[in-house]
Amino acid sequence: YSQGALDIFIETINALFLTRIRSYYSIINIIKKNR
């Protein structure tokens, strides 16, 4: 989630490495295994 002054930096990282969607699926896996 982007916030404040870090918006541009975070969105750049997300665009280059798809960190948002990859992190999302990784977190969902952790939740499902340890619900």
PDB file of all heavy atoms in Angstrom:
ATOM      1  N   TYR A   1       0.845  -1.200   0.000  1.00  0.00           N
ATOM      2  CA  TYR A   1       0.000   0.000   0.000  1.00  0.00           C
ATOM      3  C   TYR A   1       0.876   1.245   0.000  1.00  0.00           C
ATOM      4  O   TYR A   1       1.656   1.463   0.910  1.00  0.00           O
ATOM      5  CB  TYR A   1      -0.895  -0.017   1.241  1.00  0.00           C
ATOM      6  CG  TYR A   1      -2.128   0.836   1.121  1.00  0.00           C
ATOM      7  CD1 TYR A   1      -3.276   0.326   0.538  1.00  0.00           C
ATOM      8  CD2 TYR A   1      -2.154   2.136   1.604  1.00  0.00           C
ATOM      9  CE1 TYR A   1      -4.431   1.098   0.440  1.00  0.00           C
ATOM     10  CE2 TYR A   1      -3.292   2.914   1.497  1.00  0.00           C
ATOM     11  CZ  TYR A   1      -4.420   2.389   0.913  1.00  0.00           C
ATOM     12  OH  TYR A   1      -5.556   3.162   0.808  1.00  0.00           O
ATOM     13  N   SER A   2       0.749   2.080  -1.024  1.00  0.00           N
ATOM     14  CA  SER A   2       1.544   3.304  -1.107  1.00  0.00           C
ATOM     15  C   SER A   2       1.046   4.317  -0.097  1.00  0.00           C
ATOM     16  O   SER A   2      -0.136   4.391   0.197  1.00  0.00           O
ATOM     17  CB  SER A   2       1.429   3.901  -2.517  1.00  0.00           C
ATOM     18  OG  SER A   2       1.809   2.949  -3.479  1.00  0.00           O
ATOM     19  N   GLN A   3       1.964   5.142   0.407  1.00  0.00           N
ATOM     20  CA  GLN A   3       1.536   6.156   1.358  1.00  0.00           C
ATOM     21  C   GLN A   3       2.519   7.317   1.383  1.00  0.00           C
ATOM     22  O   GLN A   3       3.724   7.146   1.419  1.00  0.00           O
ATOM     23  CB  GLN A   3       1.387   5.579   2.767  1.00  0.00           C
ATOM     24  CG  GLN A   3       2.529   4.698   3.209  1.00  0.00           C
ATOM     25  CD  GLN A   3       2.258   4.041   4.541  1.00  0.00           C
ATOM     26  OE1 GLN A   3       1.733   4.672   5.444  1.00  0.00           O
ATOM     27  NE2 GLN A   3       2.615   2.787   4.677  1.00  0.00           N
ATOM     28  N   GLY A   4       1.977   8.514   1.320  1.00  0.00           N
ATOM     29  CA  GLY A   4       2.744   9.746   1.482  1.00  0.00           C
ATOM     30  C   GLY A   4       3.876   9.903   0.490  1.00  0.00           C
ATOM     31  O   GLY A   4       3.755   9.642  -0.714  1.00  0.00           O
ATOM     32  N   ALA A   5       5.016  10.351   1.017  1.00  0.00           N
ATOM     33  CA  ALA A   5       6.171  10.684   0.181  1.00  0.00           C
ATOM     34  C   ALA A   5       6.775   9.456  -0.480  1.00  0.00           C
ATOM     35  O   ALA A   5       7.558   9.576  -1.418  1.00  0.00           O
ATOM     36  CB  ALA A   5       7.231  11.389   1.029  1.00  0.00           C
ATOM     37  N   LEU A   6       6.425   8.267  -0.007  1.00  0.00           N
ATOM     38  CA  LEU A   6       7.000   7.056  -0.574  1.00  0.00           C
ATOM     39  C   LEU A   6       6.227   6.544  -1.785  1.00  0.00           C
ATOM     40  O   LEU A   6       6.619   5.537  -2.377  1.00  0.00           O
ATOM     41  CB  LEU A   6       7.038   5.954   0.496  1.00  0.00           C
ATOM     42  CG  LEU A   6       7.964   6.207   1.694  1.00  0.00           C
ATOM     43  CD1 LEU A   6       7.810   5.079   2.705  1.00  0.00           C
ATOM     44  CD2 LEU A   6       9.409   6.311   1.243  1.00  0.00           C
ATOM     45  N   ASP A   7       5.149   7.216  -2.157  1.00  0.00           N
ATOM     46  CA  ASP A   7       4.280   6.717  -3.229  1.00  0.00           C
ATOM     47  C   ASP A   7       5.053   6.390  -4.510  1.00  0.00           C
ATOM     48  O   ASP A   7       4.925   5.296  -5.059  1.00  0.00           O
ATOM     49  CB  ASP A   7       3.192   7.747  -3.551  1.00  0.00           C
ATOM     50  CG  ASP A   7       2.044   7.678  -2.544  1.00  0.00           C
ATOM     51  OD1 ASP A   7       2.128   6.840  -1.632  1.00  0.00           O
ATOM     52  OD2 ASP A   7       1.088   8.450  -2.680  1.00  0.00           O
ATOM     53  N   ILE A   8       5.838   7.344  -5.007  1.00  0.00           N
ATOM     54  CA  ILE A   8       6.527   7.156  -6.293  1.00  0.00           C
ATOM     55  C   ILE A   8       7.529   6.014  -6.197  1.00  0.00           C
ATOM     56  O   ILE A   8       7.607   5.151  -7.094  1.00  0.00           O
ATOM     57  CB  ILE A   8       7.237   8.461  -6.719  1.00  0.00           C
ATOM     58  CG1 ILE A   8       6.204   9.560  -6.983  1.00  0.00           C
ATOM     59  CG2 ILE A   8       8.083   8.217  -7.960  1.00  0.00           C
ATOM     60  CD1 ILE A   8       6.816  10.906  -7.315  1.00  0.00           C
ATOM     61  N   PHE A   9       8.292   5.982  -5.121  1.00  0.00           N
ATOM     62  CA  PHE A   9       9.288   4.930  -4.954  1.00  0.00           C
ATOM     63  C   PHE A   9       8.624   3.549  -4.901  1.00  0.00           C
ATOM     64  O   PHE A   9       9.055   2.605  -5.579  1.00  0.00           O
ATOM     65  CB  PHE A   9      10.087   5.183  -3.671  1.00  0.00           C
ATOM     66  CG  PHE A   9      11.029   4.071  -3.320  1.00  0.00           C
ATOM     67  CD1 PHE A   9      12.181   3.850  -4.062  1.00  0.00           C
ATOM     68  CD2 PHE A   9      10.736   3.225  -2.249  1.00  0.00           C
ATOM     69  CE1 PHE A   9      13.045   2.815  -3.732  1.00  0.00           C
ATOM     70  CE2 PHE A   9      11.601   2.198  -1.920  1.00  0.00           C
ATOM     71  CZ  PHE A   9      12.750   1.984  -2.667  1.00  0.00           C
ATOM     72  N   ILE A  10       7.558   3.437  -4.084  1.00  0.00           N
ATOM     73  CA  ILE A  10       6.875   2.145  -3.927  1.00  0.00           C
ATOM     74  C   ILE A  10       6.244   1.701  -5.235  1.00  0.00           C
ATOM     75  O   ILE A  10       6.346   0.528  -5.624  1.00  0.00           O
ATOM     76  CB  ILE A  10       5.817   2.226  -2.806  1.00  0.00           C
ATOM     77  CG1 ILE A  10       6.509   2.350  -1.448  1.00  0.00           C
ATOM     78  CG2 ILE A  10       4.914   0.992  -2.815  1.00  0.00           C
ATOM     79  CD1 ILE A  10       5.573   2.536  -0.286  1.00  0.00           C
ATOM     80  N   GLU A  11       5.610   2.634  -5.939  1.00  0.00           N
ATOM     81  CA  GLU A  11       4.968   2.269  -7.214  1.00  0.00           C
ATOM     82  C   GLU A  11       6.009   1.861  -8.250  1.00  0.00           C
ATOM     83  O   GLU A  11       5.749   0.987  -9.091  1.00  0.00           O
ATOM     84  CB  GLU A  11       4.116   3.435  -7.725  1.00  0.00           C
ATOM     85  CG  GLU A  11       2.837   3.672  -6.945  1.00  0.00           C
ATOM     86  CD  GLU A  11       1.964   2.426  -6.866  1.00  0.00           C
ATOM     87  OE1 GLU A  11       1.955   1.627  -7.825  1.00  0.00           O
ATOM     88  OE2 GLU A  11       1.304   2.239  -5.829  1.00  0.00           O
ATOM     89  N   THR A  12       7.177   2.476  -8.201  1.00  0.00           N
ATOM     90  CA  THR A  12       8.248   2.084  -9.132  1.00  0.00           C
ATOM     91  C   THR A  12       8.700   0.655  -8.854  1.00  0.00           C
ATOM     92  O   THR A  12       8.867  -0.165  -9.779  1.00  0.00           O
ATOM     93  CB  THR A  12       9.452   3.049  -9.000  1.00  0.00           C
ATOM     94  OG1 THR A  12       9.020   4.379  -9.289  1.00  0.00           O
ATOM     95  CG2 THR A  12      10.556   2.649  -9.968  1.00  0.00           C
ATOM     96  N   ILE A  13       8.903   0.346  -7.586  1.00  0.00           N
ATOM     97  CA  ILE A  13       9.300  -1.016  -7.201  1.00  0.00           C
ATOM     98  C   ILE A  13       8.207  -2.015  -7.586  1.00  0.00           C
ATOM     99  O   ILE A  13       8.490  -3.106  -8.122  1.00  0.00           O
ATOM    100  CB  ILE A  13       9.589  -1.092  -5.683  1.00  0.00           C
ATOM    101  CG1 ILE A  13      10.776  -0.195  -5.314  1.00  0.00           C
ATOM    102  CG2 ILE A  13       9.853  -2.531  -5.257  1.00  0.00           C
ATOM    103  CD1 ILE A  13      12.067  -0.581  -5.965  1.00  0.00           C
ATOM    104  N   ASN A  14       6.960  -1.629  -7.331  1.00  0.00           N
ATOM    105  CA  ASN A  14       5.845  -2.517  -7.688  1.00  0.00           C
ATOM    106  C   ASN A  14       5.789  -2.773  -9.189  1.00  0.00           C
ATOM    107  O   ASN A  14       5.500  -3.883  -9.634  1.00  0.00           O
ATOM    108  CB  ASN A  14       4.511  -1.906  -7.225  1.00  0.00           C
ATOM    109  CG  ASN A  14       4.257  -2.107  -5.743  1.00  0.00           C
ATOM    110  OD1 ASN A  14       4.704  -3.087  -5.166  1.00  0.00           O
ATOM    111  ND2 ASN A  14       3.546  -1.178  -5.125  1.00  0.00           N
ATOM    112  N   ALA A  15       6.061  -1.715  -9.968  1.00  0.00           N
ATOM    113  CA  ALA A  15       6.008  -1.867 -11.425  1.00  0.00           C
ATOM    114  C   ALA A  15       7.124  -2.757 -11.940  1.00  0.00           C
ATOM    115  O   ALA A  15       6.918  -3.610 -12.811  1.00  0.00           O
ATOM    116  CB  ALA A  15       6.096  -0.487 -12.082  1.00  0.00           C
ATOM    117  N   LEU A  16       8.321  -2.592 -11.411  1.00  0.00           N
ATOM    118  CA  LEU A  16       9.463  -3.355 -11.905  1.00  0.00           C
ATOM    119  C   LEU A  16       9.424  -4.817 -11.461  1.00  0.00           C
ATOM    120  O   LEU A  16       9.791  -5.717 -12.227  1.00  0.00           O
ATOM    121  CB  LEU A  16      10.767  -2.713 -11.415  1.00  0.00           C
ATOM    122  CG  LEU A  16      11.208  -1.435 -12.134  1.00  0.00           C
ATOM    123  CD1 LEU A  16      12.412  -0.831 -11.440  1.00  0.00           C
ATOM    124  CD2 LEU A  16      11.526  -1.720 -13.602  1.00  0.00           C
ATOM    125  N   PHE A  17       8.978  -5.049 -10.232  1.00  0.00           N
ATOM    126  CA  PHE A  17       9.098  -6.399  -9.673  1.00  0.00           C
ATOM    127  C   PHE A  17       7.768  -7.028  -9.261  1.00  0.00           C
ATOM    128  O   PHE A  17       7.750  -8.109  -8.677  1.00  0.00           O
ATOM    129  CB  PHE A  17      10.048  -6.375  -8.467  1.00  0.00           C
ATOM    130  CG  PHE A  17      11.395  -5.783  -8.783  1.00  0.00           C
ATOM    131  CD1 PHE A  17      11.739  -4.523  -8.304  1.00  0.00           C
ATOM    132  CD2 PHE A  17      12.290  -6.474  -9.579  1.00  0.00           C
ATOM    133  CE1 PHE A  17      12.969  -3.982  -8.595  1.00  0.00           C
ATOM    134  CE2 PHE A  17      13.541  -5.923  -9.867  1.00  0.00           C
ATOM    135  CZ  PHE A  17      13.887  -4.670  -9.391  1.00  0.00           C
ATOM    136  N   LEU A  18       6.651  -6.342  -9.562  1.00  0.00           N
ATOM    137  CA  LEU A  18       5.305  -6.849  -9.231  1.00  0.00           C
ATOM    138  C   LEU A  18       5.218  -7.290  -7.757  1.00  0.00           C
ATOM    139  O   LEU A  18       4.639  -8.330  -7.426  1.00  0.00           O
ATOM    140  CB  LEU A  18       4.923  -8.018 -10.142  1.00  0.00           C
ATOM    141  CG  LEU A  18       4.852  -7.721 -11.645  1.00  0.00           C
ATOM    142  CD1 LEU A  18       4.390  -8.965 -12.401  1.00  0.00           C
ATOM    143  CD2 LEU A  18       3.921  -6.555 -11.934  1.00  0.00           C
ATOM    144  N   THR A  19       5.856  -6.495  -6.893  1.00  0.00           N
ATOM    145  CA  THR A  19       5.919  -6.883  -5.476  1.00  0.00           C
ATOM    146  C   THR A  19       4.546  -6.941  -4.821  1.00  0.00           C
ATOM    147  O   THR A  19       4.318  -7.756  -3.925  1.00  0.00           O
ATOM    148  CB  THR A  19       6.812  -5.896  -4.698  1.00  0.00           C
ATOM    149  OG1 THR A  19       6.393  -4.555  -4.997  1.00  0.00           O
ATOM    150  CG2 THR A  19       8.265  -6.079  -5.083  1.00  0.00           C
ATOM    151  N   ARG A  20       3.626  -6.055  -5.274  1.00  0.00           N
ATOM    152  CA  ARG A  20       2.318  -6.016  -4.623  1.00  0.00           C
ATOM    153  C   ARG A  20       1.568  -7.334  -4.804  1.00  0.00           C
ATOM    154  O   ARG A  20       1.148  -7.966  -3.833  1.00  0.00           O
ATOM    155  CB  ARG A  20       1.487  -4.853  -5.181  1.00  0.00           C
ATOM    156  CG  ARG A  20       0.085  -4.763  -4.556  1.00  0.00           C
ATOM    157  CD  ARG A  20      -0.742  -3.655  -5.175  1.00  0.00           C
ATOM    158  NE  ARG A  20      -0.318  -2.344  -4.728  1.00  0.00           N
ATOM    159  CZ  ARG A  20       0.136  -1.383  -5.520  1.00  0.00           C
ATOM    160  NH1 ARG A  20       0.249  -1.607  -6.826  1.00  0.00           N
ATOM    161  NH2 ARG A  20       0.477  -0.208  -5.039  1.00  0.00           N
ATOM    162  N   ILE A  21       1.397  -7.759  -6.043  1.00  0.00           N
ATOM    163  CA  ILE A  21       0.608  -8.972  -6.288  1.00  0.00           C
ATOM    164  C   ILE A  21       1.346 -10.216  -5.812  1.00  0.00           C
ATOM    165  O   ILE A  21       0.733 -11.163  -5.297  1.00  0.00           O
ATOM    166  CB  ILE A  21       0.231  -9.084  -7.788  1.00  0.00           C
ATOM    167  CG1 ILE A  21      -0.830 -10.178  -7.995  1.00  0.00           C
ATOM    168  CG2 ILE A  21       1.448  -9.331  -8.647  1.00  0.00           C
ATOM    169  CD1 ILE A  21      -2.172  -9.846  -7.402  1.00  0.00           C
ATOM    170  N   ARG A  22       2.679 -10.231  -5.933  1.00  0.00           N
ATOM    171  CA  ARG A  22       3.446 -11.387  -5.463  1.00  0.00           C
ATOM    172  C   ARG A  22       3.376 -11.502  -3.931  1.00  0.00           C
ATOM    173  O   ARG A  22       3.228 -12.596  -3.389  1.00  0.00           O
ATOM    174  CB  ARG A  22       4.898 -11.283  -5.931  1.00  0.00           C
ATOM    175  CG  ARG A  22       5.049 -11.478  -7.451  1.00  0.00           C
ATOM    176  CD  ARG A  22       6.434 -11.093  -7.964  1.00  0.00           C
ATOM    177  NE  ARG A  22       7.476 -11.851  -7.277  1.00  0.00           N
ATOM    178  CZ  ARG A  22       8.536 -11.293  -6.704  1.00  0.00           C
ATOM    179  NH1 ARG A  22       8.696  -9.968  -6.729  1.00  0.00           N
ATOM    180  NH2 ARG A  22       9.436 -12.043  -6.109  1.00  0.00           N
ATOM    181  N   SER A  23       3.494 -10.347  -3.253  1.00  0.00           N
ATOM    182  CA  SER A  23       3.373 -10.350  -1.794  1.00  0.00           C
ATOM    183  C   SER A  23       1.979 -10.780  -1.366  1.00  0.00           C
ATOM    184  O   SER A  23       1.819 -11.520  -0.380  1.00  0.00           O
ATOM    185  CB  SER A  23       3.674  -8.955  -1.235  1.00  0.00           C
ATOM    186  OG  SER A  23       5.005  -8.588  -1.479  1.00  0.00           O
ATOM    187  N   TYR A  24       0.986 -10.317  -2.123  1.00  0.00           N
ATOM    188  CA  TYR A  24      -0.400 -10.664  -1.792  1.00  0.00           C
ATOM    189  C   TYR A  24      -0.591 -12.178  -1.786  1.00  0.00           C
ATOM    190  O   TYR A  24      -1.100 -12.748  -0.817  1.00  0.00           O
ATOM    191  CB  TYR A  24      -1.350 -10.010  -2.797  1.00  0.00           C
ATOM    192  CG  TYR A  24      -2.774 -10.521  -2.704  1.00  0.00           C
ATOM    193  CD1 TYR A  24      -3.585 -10.164  -1.634  1.00  0.00           C
ATOM    194  CD2 TYR A  24      -3.287 -11.372  -3.683  1.00  0.00           C
ATOM    195  CE1 TYR A  24      -4.891 -10.638  -1.542  1.00  0.00           C
ATOM    196  CE2 TYR A  24      -4.575 -11.846  -3.599  1.00  0.00           C
ATOM    197  CZ  TYR A  24      -5.382 -11.478  -2.530  1.00  0.00           C
ATOM    198  OH  TYR A  24      -6.665 -11.950  -2.446  1.00  0.00           O
ATOM    199  N   TYR A  25      -0.190 -12.839  -2.867  1.00  0.00           N
ATOM    200  CA  TYR A  25      -0.376 -14.293  -2.952  1.00  0.00           C
ATOM    201  C   TYR A  25       0.464 -15.032  -1.903  1.00  0.00           C
ATOM    202  O   TYR A  25       0.035 -16.059  -1.349  1.00  0.00           O
ATOM    203  CB  TYR A  25      -0.036 -14.798  -4.352  1.00  0.00           C
ATOM    204  CG  TYR A  25      -1.144 -14.550  -5.349  1.00  0.00           C
ATOM    205  CD1 TYR A  25      -0.920 -13.837  -6.519  1.00  0.00           C
ATOM    206  CD2 TYR A  25      -2.425 -15.032  -5.107  1.00  0.00           C
ATOM    207  CE1 TYR A  25      -1.941 -13.603  -7.429  1.00  0.00           C
ATOM    208  CE2 TYR A  25      -3.458 -14.804  -6.014  1.00  0.00           C
ATOM    209  CZ  TYR A  25      -3.211 -14.084  -7.170  1.00  0.00           C
ATOM    210  OH  TYR A  25      -4.230 -13.854  -8.058  1.00  0.00           O
ATOM    211  N   SER A  26       1.635 -14.491  -1.609  1.00  0.00           N
ATOM    212  CA  SER A  26       2.472 -15.113  -0.581  1.00  0.00           C
ATOM    213  C   SER A  26       1.800 -15.012   0.791  1.00  0.00           C
ATOM    214  O   SER A  26       1.770 -15.977   1.555  1.00  0.00           O
ATOM    215  CB  SER A  26       3.836 -14.429  -0.547  1.00  0.00           C
ATOM    216  OG  SER A  26       4.639 -14.974   0.475  1.00  0.00           O
ATOM    217  N   ILE A  27       1.220 -13.842   1.089  1.00  0.00           N
ATOM    218  CA  ILE A  27       0.531 -13.643   2.365  1.00  0.00           C
ATOM    219  C   ILE A  27      -0.707 -14.539   2.453  1.00  0.00           C
ATOM    220  O   ILE A  27      -0.979 -15.140   3.504  1.00  0.00           O
ATOM    221  CB  ILE A  27       0.130 -12.162   2.538  1.00  0.00           C
ATOM    222  CG1 ILE A  27       1.380 -11.306   2.732  1.00  0.00           C
ATOM    223  CG2 ILE A  27      -0.819 -11.983   3.721  1.00  0.00           C
ATOM    224  CD1 ILE A  27       1.121  -9.812   2.660  1.00  0.00           C
ATOM    225  N   ILE A  28      -1.451 -14.644   1.358  1.00  0.00           N
ATOM    226  CA  ILE A  28      -2.642 -15.506   1.346  1.00  0.00           C
ATOM    227  C   ILE A  28      -2.257 -16.949   1.659  1.00  0.00           C
ATOM    228  O   ILE A  28      -2.952 -17.648   2.410  1.00  0.00           O
ATOM    229  CB  ILE A  28      -3.365 -15.428  -0.018  1.00  0.00           C
ATOM    230  CG1 ILE A  28      -3.967 -14.030  -0.225  1.00  0.00           C
ATOM    231  CG2 ILE A  28      -4.456 -16.490  -0.114  1.00  0.00           C
ATOM    232  CD1 ILE A  28      -5.000 -13.635   0.808  1.00  0.00           C
ATOM    233  N   ASN A  29      -1.144 -17.394   1.104  1.00  0.00           N
ATOM    234  CA  ASN A  29      -0.674 -18.759   1.395  1.00  0.00           C
ATOM    235  C   ASN A  29      -0.354 -18.933   2.877  1.00  0.00           C
ATOM    236  O   ASN A  29      -0.699 -19.948   3.487  1.00  0.00           O
ATOM    237  CB  ASN A  29       0.576 -19.068   0.558  1.00  0.00           C
ATOM    238  CG  ASN A  29       0.218 -19.664  -0.793  1.00  0.00           C
ATOM    239  OD1 ASN A  29      -0.785 -20.374  -0.919  1.00  0.00           O
ATOM    240  ND2 ASN A  29       1.025 -19.376  -1.801  1.00  0.00           N
ATOM    241  N   ILE A  30       0.323 -17.930   3.450  1.00  0.00           N
ATOM    242  CA  ILE A  30       0.654 -18.002   4.880  1.00  0.00           C
ATOM    243  C   ILE A  30      -0.623 -18.048   5.723  1.00  0.00           C
ATOM    244  O   ILE A  30      -0.732 -18.833   6.675  1.00  0.00           O
ATOM    245  CB  ILE A  30       1.525 -16.790   5.295  1.00  0.00           C
ATOM    246  CG1 ILE A  30       2.885 -16.854   4.596  1.00  0.00           C
ATOM    247  CG2 ILE A  30       1.710 -16.758   6.812  1.00  0.00           C
ATOM    248  CD1 ILE A  30       3.741 -15.611   4.796  1.00  0.00           C
ATOM    249  N   ILE A  31      -1.599 -17.206   5.380  1.00  0.00           N
ATOM    250  CA  ILE A  31      -2.874 -17.174   6.126  1.00  0.00           C
ATOM    251  C   ILE A  31      -3.578 -18.524   6.043  1.00  0.00           C
ATOM    252  O   ILE A  31      -4.052 -19.064   7.045  1.00  0.00           O
ATOM    253  CB  ILE A  31      -3.783 -16.048   5.602  1.00  0.00           C
ATOM    254  CG1 ILE A  31      -3.202 -14.676   5.951  1.00  0.00           C
ATOM    255  CG2 ILE A  31      -5.193 -16.182   6.180  1.00  0.00           C
ATOM    256  CD1 ILE A  31      -3.952 -13.516   5.339  1.00  0.00           C
ATOM    257  N   LYS A  32      -3.653 -19.076   4.838  1.00  0.00           N
ATOM    258  CA  LYS A  32      -4.370 -20.340   4.657  1.00  0.00           C
ATOM    259  C   LYS A  32      -3.709 -21.482   5.431  1.00  0.00           C
ATOM    260  O   LYS A  32      -4.399 -22.352   5.964  1.00  0.00           O
ATOM    261  CB  LYS A  32      -4.447 -20.689   3.165  1.00  0.00           C
ATOM    262  CG  LYS A  32      -5.496 -19.879   2.412  1.00  0.00           C
ATOM    263  CD  LYS A  32      -5.687 -20.427   1.018  1.00  0.00           C
ATOM    264  CE  LYS A  32      -6.935 -19.846   0.370  1.00  0.00           C
ATOM    265  NZ  LYS A  32      -7.219 -20.446  -0.934  1.00  0.00           N
ATOM    266  N   LYS A  33      -2.398 -21.470   5.490  1.00  0.00           N
ATOM    267  CA  LYS A  33      -1.695 -22.550   6.206  1.00  0.00           C
ATOM    268  C   LYS A  33      -1.815 -22.407   7.725  1.00  0.00           C
ATOM    269  O   LYS A  33      -1.721 -23.390   8.454  1.00  0.00           O
ATOM    270  CB  LYS A  33      -0.214 -22.554   5.813  1.00  0.00           C
ATOM    271  CG  LYS A  33       0.044 -23.035   4.392  1.00  0.00           C
ATOM    272  CD  LYS A  33       1.521 -22.934   4.061  1.00  0.00           C
ATOM    273  CE  LYS A  33       1.790 -23.360   2.619  1.00  0.00           C
ATOM    274  NZ  LYS A  33       3.227 -23.187   2.249  1.00  0.00           N
ATOM    275  N   ASN A  34      -2.022 -21.164   8.186  1.00  0.00           N
ATOM    276  CA  ASN A  34      -2.013 -20.913   9.643  1.00  0.00           C
ATOM    277  C   ASN A  34      -3.249 -20.112  10.066  1.00  0.00           C
ATOM    278  O   ASN A  34      -3.169 -19.260  10.956  1.00  0.00           O
ATOM    279  CB  ASN A  34      -0.746 -20.143  10.026  1.00  0.00           C
ATOM    280  CG  ASN A  34       0.523 -20.819   9.552  1.00  0.00           C
ATOM    281  OD1 ASN A  34       0.998 -21.769  10.153  1.00  0.00           O
ATOM    282  ND2 ASN A  34       1.068 -20.327   8.460  1.00  0.00           N
ATOM    283  N   ARG A  35      -4.369 -20.403   9.455  1.00  0.00           N
ATOM    284  CA  ARG A  35      -5.574 -19.602   9.680  1.00  0.00           C
ATOM    285  C   ARG A  35      -5.977 -19.578  11.163  1.00  0.00           C
ATOM    286  O   ARG A  35      -6.218 -18.524  11.745  1.00  0.00           O
ATOM    287  CB  ARG A  35      -6.728 -20.149   8.832  1.00  0.00           C
ATOM    288  CG  ARG A  35      -7.932 -19.222   8.786  1.00  0.00           C
ATOM    289  CD  ARG A  35      -9.142 -19.916   8.147  1.00  0.00           C
ATOM    290  NE  ARG A  35      -8.851 -20.456   6.837  1.00  0.00           N
ATOM    291  CZ  ARG A  35      -8.951 -19.775   5.703  1.00  0.00           C
ATOM    292  NH1 ARG A  35      -9.308 -18.507   5.744  1.00  0.00           N
ATOM    293  NH2 ARG A  35      -8.698 -20.353   4.552  1.00  0.00           N
TER     294      ARG A  35
END
